[in-house]
Each structure stands twice: as C-alpha cells, then as structure tokens.
C-alpha cells in the first residue's frame, strides 16, 4: 500500500491517513483480513509521528474498518463487520451535504455533482 500525505494540507495528517486506508480497502488494494503495517513501521515510512498513526488506526477501529490486536497488529475487518449502520448513513449524508453546499457555492449544478459522484464511485474497483 502506497500512501502519500500532504504535509501542507488543511486536513489533519491522521484524517488523511485514515481516508487513504479506507480508500485502499474500498479499492481492494488492502484485502479483508490483511494485516496493516505496525504503528512504528508506518510512522517511520511516512516520516510522521507515532501518535498520528495511532490516532488514525484508533478511528478506523472505532468505525469498524479494522481490529487492533494488542501486541499483534492491526487487521482489516471483513466487510460484514463494517456494514453501514443508520448512523453511518447519516454521517455520510452529512458529508455529502457539505460537499454539495461547497459545489453549489462554486456554481456547479446538480447534474455535474452527480456525475462526479458516479465517476468517483465507479473508479473503486475493489469488491467491497
């Protein structure tokens, strides 16, 4: 898994890392049951703080994407373990609302936004 973080982004590094891992799961680059790099390995390879990686892994665990096994690593859960709940749907809807609001402020019409969403979704080639 190749991860590139933008150090000068407004998006916190832990959020970027979490997003990249979710994307890797969605595309099948990281498989269900696969072990992710240790906190130390990943922080070293990305040249970021251990706590940043730990925070991203903790968020992924809370959201059901991974299981943290003390002293044994971090495993990607099977997709039935992170199936969308009503809360997940609400959170995703709120994120979409924010994106749509920004798009509308930038004078994009609904069809263009829908086309962008369709394109983004169809680029995910994973079986998740």
N, C-alpha and C. Protein backbone atom coordinates (compact mmCIF):
# COMPACT_ATOMS: atom_id res chain seq x y z
N UNK A 1 0.86 -1.18 0.00
CA UNK A 1 0.00 0.00 0.00
C UNK A 1 0.90 1.23 0.00
N UNK A 2 0.71 2.07 -0.99
CA UNK A 2 1.48 3.31 -1.09
C UNK A 2 0.60 4.46 -0.62
N UNK A 3 1.11 5.19 0.37
CA UNK A 3 0.35 6.30 0.94
C UNK A 3 1.16 7.57 0.78
N UNK A 4 0.50 8.58 0.23
CA UNK A 4 1.12 9.89 0.12
C UNK A 4 0.26 10.88 0.89
N UNK A 5 0.88 11.54 1.86
CA UNK A 5 0.19 12.53 2.66
C UNK A 5 0.67 13.93 2.26
N UNK A 6 -0.24 14.87 2.34
CA UNK A 6 0.10 16.26 2.03
C UNK A 6 0.38 17.00 3.34
N UNK A 7 1.65 17.26 3.59
CA UNK A 7 2.05 17.86 4.86
C UNK A 7 1.56 19.29 5.01
N UNK A 8 1.29 19.97 3.90
CA UNK A 8 0.85 21.36 3.97
C UNK A 8 -0.66 21.52 3.79
N UNK A 9 -1.40 20.41 3.89
CA UNK A 9 -2.85 20.43 3.72
C UNK A 9 -3.55 20.94 4.98
N UNK A 10 -4.74 21.48 4.79
CA UNK A 10 -5.58 21.87 5.93
C UNK A 10 -6.17 20.64 6.63
N UNK A 11 -6.18 19.52 5.95
CA UNK A 11 -6.72 18.28 6.51
C UNK A 11 -5.66 17.66 7.41
N UNK A 12 -6.00 17.37 8.67
CA UNK A 12 -5.01 16.79 9.58
C UNK A 12 -4.43 15.48 9.03
N UNK A 13 -3.16 15.23 9.35
CA UNK A 13 -2.48 14.04 8.83
C UNK A 13 -3.19 12.75 9.21
N UNK A 14 -3.69 12.65 10.45
CA UNK A 14 -4.36 11.42 10.86
C UNK A 14 -5.61 11.17 10.00
N UNK A 15 -6.31 12.25 9.64
CA UNK A 15 -7.52 12.13 8.80
C UNK A 15 -7.14 11.72 7.39
N UNK A 16 -6.08 12.31 6.85
CA UNK A 16 -5.60 11.93 5.53
C UNK A 16 -5.23 10.44 5.51
N UNK A 17 -4.52 10.01 6.55
CA UNK A 17 -4.10 8.61 6.64
C UNK A 17 -5.30 7.68 6.73
N UNK A 18 -6.25 8.02 7.58
CA UNK A 18 -7.46 7.22 7.72
C UNK A 18 -8.19 7.13 6.38
N UNK A 19 -8.34 8.27 5.71
CA UNK A 19 -9.03 8.30 4.42
C UNK A 19 -8.32 7.43 3.38
N UNK A 20 -6.99 7.49 3.36
CA UNK A 20 -6.21 6.70 2.39
C UNK A 20 -6.38 5.20 2.66
N UNK A 21 -6.45 4.82 3.91
CA UNK A 21 -6.61 3.40 4.25
C UNK A 21 -8.01 2.93 3.88
N UNK A 22 -9.03 3.72 4.15
CA UNK A 22 -10.40 3.38 3.75
C UNK A 22 -10.47 3.24 2.23
N UNK A 23 -9.83 4.16 1.52
CA UNK A 23 -9.80 4.09 0.06
C UNK A 23 -9.12 2.80 -0.40
N UNK A 24 -8.01 2.44 0.24
CA UNK A 24 -7.28 1.21 -0.12
C UNK A 24 -8.14 -0.02 0.14
N UNK A 25 -8.95 0.01 1.19
CA UNK A 25 -9.87 -1.11 1.47
C UNK A 25 -10.95 -1.15 0.38
N UNK A 26 -11.51 0.01 0.05
CA UNK A 26 -12.60 0.08 -0.93
C UNK A 26 -12.15 -0.38 -2.31
N UNK A 27 -10.91 -0.09 -2.67
CA UNK A 27 -10.41 -0.46 -4.00
C UNK A 27 -9.86 -1.88 -4.05
N UNK A 28 -9.76 -2.52 -2.88
CA UNK A 28 -9.22 -3.87 -2.84
C UNK A 28 -7.70 -3.91 -2.78
N UNK A 29 -7.06 -2.74 -2.72
CA UNK A 29 -5.61 -2.71 -2.58
C UNK A 29 -5.19 -3.35 -1.26
N UNK A 30 -6.01 -3.15 -0.24
CA UNK A 30 -5.82 -3.82 1.05
C UNK A 30 -6.98 -4.79 1.21
N UNK A 31 -6.69 -6.03 1.42
CA UNK A 31 -7.71 -7.08 1.46
C UNK A 31 -8.25 -7.29 2.88
N UNK A 32 -9.46 -7.81 2.92
CA UNK A 32 -10.07 -8.19 4.20
C UNK A 32 -9.19 -9.23 4.87
N UNK A 33 -8.94 -9.06 6.15
CA UNK A 33 -8.10 -9.98 6.91
C UNK A 33 -6.63 -9.67 6.84
N UNK A 34 -6.24 -8.75 5.97
CA UNK A 34 -4.83 -8.38 5.82
C UNK A 34 -4.35 -7.58 7.02
N UNK A 35 -3.10 -7.79 7.38
CA UNK A 35 -2.51 -7.03 8.48
C UNK A 35 -1.90 -5.75 7.94
N UNK A 36 -2.21 -4.65 8.59
CA UNK A 36 -1.64 -3.36 8.22
C UNK A 36 -0.26 -3.22 8.87
N UNK A 37 0.57 -2.32 8.34
CA UNK A 37 1.88 -2.10 8.97
C UNK A 37 1.70 -1.67 10.43
N UNK A 38 2.69 -1.98 11.25
CA UNK A 38 2.63 -1.56 12.65
C UNK A 38 2.67 -0.04 12.71
N UNK A 39 2.29 0.50 13.85
CA UNK A 39 2.33 1.94 14.04
C UNK A 39 3.75 2.46 13.80
N UNK A 40 4.72 1.76 14.35
CA UNK A 40 6.13 2.18 14.18
C UNK A 40 6.57 2.11 12.73
N UNK A 41 6.22 1.02 12.05
CA UNK A 41 6.62 0.87 10.65
C UNK A 41 6.02 1.98 9.79
N UNK A 42 4.72 2.21 9.97
CA UNK A 42 4.05 3.20 9.13
C UNK A 42 4.52 4.62 9.45
N UNK A 43 4.68 4.92 10.72
CA UNK A 43 5.15 6.27 11.07
C UNK A 43 6.55 6.50 10.53
N UNK A 44 7.39 5.48 10.56
CA UNK A 44 8.75 5.60 10.04
C UNK A 44 8.74 5.77 8.52
N UNK A 45 7.96 4.94 7.83
CA UNK A 45 7.95 5.02 6.36
C UNK A 45 7.34 6.32 5.85
N UNK A 46 6.41 6.90 6.61
CA UNK A 46 5.78 8.17 6.21
C UNK A 46 6.47 9.39 6.83
N UNK A 47 7.41 9.13 7.74
CA UNK A 47 8.11 10.20 8.46
C UNK A 47 7.14 11.11 9.20
N UNK A 48 6.21 10.46 9.92
CA UNK A 48 5.26 11.20 10.75
C UNK A 48 5.29 10.63 12.16
N UNK A 49 4.68 11.33 13.07
CA UNK A 49 4.66 10.96 14.48
C UNK A 49 3.88 9.67 14.72
N UNK A 50 4.36 8.85 15.66
CA UNK A 50 3.67 7.62 16.05
C UNK A 50 2.22 7.88 16.47
N UNK A 51 2.01 8.98 17.17
CA UNK A 51 0.67 9.30 17.68
C UNK A 51 -0.31 9.60 16.55
N UNK A 52 0.20 10.12 15.44
CA UNK A 52 -0.64 10.40 14.28
C UNK A 52 -1.17 9.10 13.70
N UNK A 53 -0.28 8.12 13.53
CA UNK A 53 -0.69 6.81 13.00
C UNK A 53 -1.63 6.13 13.99
N UNK A 54 -1.30 6.20 15.26
CA UNK A 54 -2.13 5.58 16.29
C UNK A 54 -3.54 6.17 16.28
N UNK A 55 -3.65 7.48 16.11
CA UNK A 55 -4.96 8.14 16.07
C UNK A 55 -5.76 7.67 14.86
N UNK A 56 -5.10 7.56 13.71
CA UNK A 56 -5.79 7.08 12.50
C UNK A 56 -6.27 5.65 12.70
N UNK A 57 -5.40 4.78 13.23
CA UNK A 57 -5.78 3.39 13.48
C UNK A 57 -6.93 3.30 14.48
N UNK A 58 -6.88 4.12 15.50
CA UNK A 58 -7.95 4.11 16.52
C UNK A 58 -9.28 4.51 15.88
N UNK A 59 -9.27 5.54 15.04
CA UNK A 59 -10.50 5.96 14.36
C UNK A 59 -11.03 4.84 13.45
N UNK A 60 -10.12 4.19 12.72
CA UNK A 60 -10.52 3.08 11.86
C UNK A 60 -11.14 1.96 12.67
N UNK A 61 -10.61 1.73 13.86
CA UNK A 61 -11.14 0.69 14.75
C UNK A 61 -12.53 1.07 15.26
N UNK A 62 -12.68 2.32 15.70
CA UNK A 62 -13.97 2.79 16.21
C UNK A 62 -15.04 2.69 15.12
N UNK A 63 -14.66 2.97 13.87
CA UNK A 63 -15.61 2.93 12.76
C UNK A 63 -15.79 1.52 12.19
N UNK A 64 -15.07 0.54 12.75
CA UNK A 64 -15.28 -0.85 12.38
C UNK A 64 -14.48 -1.37 11.19
N UNK A 65 -13.58 -0.56 10.65
CA UNK A 65 -12.81 -1.00 9.48
C UNK A 65 -11.68 -1.96 9.85
N UNK A 66 -11.14 -1.80 11.05
CA UNK A 66 -10.02 -2.65 11.47
C UNK A 66 -10.23 -3.13 12.90
N UNK A 67 -9.47 -4.14 13.26
CA UNK A 67 -9.41 -4.59 14.65
C UNK A 67 -7.97 -4.45 15.11
N UNK A 68 -7.78 -3.81 16.25
CA UNK A 68 -6.45 -3.65 16.82
C UNK A 68 -6.24 -4.78 17.82
N UNK A 69 -5.23 -5.59 17.56
CA UNK A 69 -4.88 -6.70 18.45
C UNK A 69 -3.63 -6.31 19.21
N UNK A 70 -3.77 -6.04 20.49
CA UNK A 70 -2.64 -5.57 21.31
C UNK A 70 -1.43 -6.46 21.13
N UNK A 71 -0.34 -5.84 20.70
CA UNK A 71 0.92 -6.57 20.54
C UNK A 71 0.98 -7.46 19.32
N UNK A 72 -0.12 -7.55 18.57
CA UNK A 72 -0.14 -8.45 17.40
C UNK A 72 -0.46 -7.73 16.10
N UNK A 73 -0.81 -6.46 16.16
CA UNK A 73 -1.02 -5.71 14.93
C UNK A 73 -2.45 -5.24 14.71
N UNK A 74 -2.66 -4.78 13.50
CA UNK A 74 -3.96 -4.23 13.09
C UNK A 74 -4.42 -5.00 11.87
N UNK A 75 -5.62 -5.59 11.96
CA UNK A 75 -6.17 -6.39 10.87
C UNK A 75 -7.38 -5.70 10.26
N UNK A 76 -7.46 -5.76 8.93
CA UNK A 76 -8.63 -5.23 8.23
C UNK A 76 -9.79 -6.18 8.46
N UNK A 77 -10.92 -5.64 8.89
CA UNK A 77 -12.10 -6.45 9.15
C UNK A 77 -12.76 -6.92 7.85
N UNK A 78 -13.57 -7.95 7.98
CA UNK A 78 -14.38 -8.38 6.84
C UNK A 78 -15.49 -7.36 6.65
N UNK A 79 -16.00 -7.25 5.41
CA UNK A 79 -16.95 -6.17 5.13
C UNK A 79 -18.24 -6.27 5.94
N UNK A 80 -18.63 -7.46 6.37
CA UNK A 80 -19.84 -7.53 7.19
C UNK A 80 -19.63 -6.90 8.56
N UNK A 81 -18.35 -6.72 8.96
CA UNK A 81 -18.06 -6.11 10.26
C UNK A 81 -18.15 -4.58 10.19
N UNK A 82 -18.12 -4.02 8.98
CA UNK A 82 -18.25 -2.57 8.87
C UNK A 82 -19.39 -2.15 7.93
N UNK A 83 -20.39 -3.01 7.83
CA UNK A 83 -21.57 -2.68 7.03
C UNK A 83 -22.21 -1.40 7.57
N UNK A 84 -22.77 -0.61 6.69
CA UNK A 84 -23.31 0.70 7.06
C UNK A 84 -24.49 0.59 8.01
N UNK A 85 -24.37 1.27 9.12
CA UNK A 85 -25.48 1.38 10.07
C UNK A 85 -26.26 2.65 9.74
N UNK A 86 -27.37 2.87 10.43
CA UNK A 86 -28.12 4.11 10.23
C UNK A 86 -27.25 5.32 10.57
N UNK A 87 -26.43 5.19 11.61
CA UNK A 87 -25.52 6.27 12.00
C UNK A 87 -24.51 6.55 10.90
N UNK A 88 -23.97 5.48 10.31
CA UNK A 88 -23.02 5.64 9.20
C UNK A 88 -23.68 6.36 8.03
N UNK A 89 -24.89 5.96 7.71
CA UNK A 89 -25.62 6.59 6.61
C UNK A 89 -25.82 8.09 6.89
N UNK A 90 -26.17 8.41 8.12
CA UNK A 90 -26.37 9.80 8.50
C UNK A 90 -25.07 10.59 8.35
N UNK A 91 -23.97 10.02 8.82
CA UNK A 91 -22.66 10.68 8.74
C UNK A 91 -22.27 10.91 7.28
N UNK A 92 -22.44 9.90 6.44
CA UNK A 92 -22.10 10.01 5.02
C UNK A 92 -22.98 11.06 4.35
N UNK A 93 -24.28 11.07 4.68
CA UNK A 93 -25.19 12.07 4.12
C UNK A 93 -24.73 13.48 4.49
N UNK A 94 -24.33 13.67 5.74
CA UNK A 94 -23.86 14.99 6.18
C UNK A 94 -22.60 15.41 5.43
N UNK A 95 -21.71 14.45 5.16
CA UNK A 95 -20.50 14.76 4.39
C UNK A 95 -20.87 15.14 2.96
N UNK A 96 -21.82 14.42 2.39
CA UNK A 96 -22.27 14.73 1.03
C UNK A 96 -22.93 16.11 1.00
N UNK A 97 -23.72 16.43 2.03
CA UNK A 97 -24.35 17.76 2.09
C UNK A 97 -23.30 18.86 2.08
N UNK A 98 -22.23 18.67 2.83
CA UNK A 98 -21.16 19.66 2.88
C UNK A 98 -20.50 19.83 1.51
N UNK A 99 -20.23 18.71 0.85
CA UNK A 99 -19.63 18.76 -0.49
C UNK A 99 -20.58 19.45 -1.46
N UNK A 100 -21.87 19.11 -1.39
CA UNK A 100 -22.86 19.74 -2.29
C UNK A 100 -22.98 21.24 -2.03
N UNK A 101 -22.93 21.63 -0.77
CA UNK A 101 -23.01 23.06 -0.45
C UNK A 101 -21.82 23.81 -1.04
N UNK A 102 -20.63 23.24 -0.91
CA UNK A 102 -19.45 23.89 -1.49
C UNK A 102 -19.56 23.94 -3.01
N UNK A 103 -20.01 22.84 -3.60
CA UNK A 103 -20.16 22.79 -5.05
C UNK A 103 -21.16 23.84 -5.53
N UNK A 104 -22.27 23.98 -4.81
CA UNK A 104 -23.28 24.98 -5.19
C UNK A 104 -22.72 26.39 -5.07
N UNK A 105 -21.97 26.65 -4.02
CA UNK A 105 -21.34 27.97 -3.86
C UNK A 105 -20.36 28.26 -4.99
N UNK A 106 -19.82 27.20 -5.58
CA UNK A 106 -18.87 27.35 -6.70
C UNK A 106 -19.58 27.22 -8.05
N UNK A 107 -20.91 27.32 -8.01
CA UNK A 107 -21.75 27.36 -9.22
C UNK A 107 -21.77 26.06 -10.02
N UNK A 108 -21.56 24.94 -9.37
CA UNK A 108 -21.72 23.65 -10.05
C UNK A 108 -23.18 23.25 -9.94
N UNK A 109 -23.75 22.69 -11.01
CA UNK A 109 -25.15 22.27 -10.94
C UNK A 109 -25.25 20.82 -10.45
N UNK A 110 -26.46 20.43 -10.13
CA UNK A 110 -26.70 19.11 -9.54
C UNK A 110 -26.23 17.97 -10.45
N UNK A 111 -26.47 18.10 -11.75
CA UNK A 111 -26.04 17.04 -12.68
C UNK A 111 -24.53 16.86 -12.66
N UNK A 112 -23.81 17.95 -12.59
CA UNK A 112 -22.34 17.87 -12.56
C UNK A 112 -21.86 17.19 -11.28
N UNK A 113 -22.50 17.52 -10.17
CA UNK A 113 -22.14 16.91 -8.89
C UNK A 113 -22.45 15.41 -8.92
N UNK A 114 -23.61 15.05 -9.44
CA UNK A 114 -24.00 13.63 -9.54
C UNK A 114 -23.02 12.88 -10.45
N UNK A 115 -22.65 13.49 -11.56
CA UNK A 115 -21.67 12.87 -12.46
C UNK A 115 -20.33 12.65 -11.76
N UNK A 116 -19.91 13.63 -10.98
CA UNK A 116 -18.65 13.49 -10.23
C UNK A 116 -18.74 12.33 -9.23
N UNK A 117 -19.87 12.26 -8.53
CA UNK A 117 -20.07 11.17 -7.55
C UNK A 117 -20.04 9.81 -8.25
N UNK A 118 -20.76 9.71 -9.38
CA UNK A 118 -20.78 8.45 -10.14
C UNK A 118 -19.38 8.07 -10.61
N UNK A 119 -18.64 9.04 -11.12
CA UNK A 119 -17.28 8.77 -11.60
C UNK A 119 -16.39 8.31 -10.44
N UNK A 120 -16.47 9.01 -9.31
CA UNK A 120 -15.65 8.65 -8.15
C UNK A 120 -15.99 7.24 -7.67
N UNK A 121 -17.27 6.92 -7.63
CA UNK A 121 -17.70 5.60 -7.14
C UNK A 121 -17.28 4.48 -8.10
N UNK A 122 -17.39 4.72 -9.40
CA UNK A 122 -17.06 3.67 -10.36
C UNK A 122 -15.56 3.46 -10.48
N UNK A 123 -14.74 4.40 -10.01
CA UNK A 123 -13.29 4.17 -10.04
C UNK A 123 -12.84 3.22 -8.94
N UNK A 124 -13.71 2.92 -8.01
CA UNK A 124 -13.38 1.97 -6.95
C UNK A 124 -13.55 0.56 -7.52
N UNK A 125 -12.45 -0.10 -7.77
CA UNK A 125 -12.50 -1.40 -8.45
C UNK A 125 -12.56 -2.58 -7.49
N UNK A 126 -12.48 -2.30 -6.19
CA UNK A 126 -12.50 -3.39 -5.21
C UNK A 126 -13.85 -4.07 -5.16
N UNK A 127 -13.88 -5.20 -4.49
CA UNK A 127 -15.13 -5.94 -4.36
C UNK A 127 -15.84 -5.61 -3.06
N UNK A 128 -15.43 -4.54 -2.39
CA UNK A 128 -16.06 -4.16 -1.11
C UNK A 128 -17.26 -3.34 -1.38
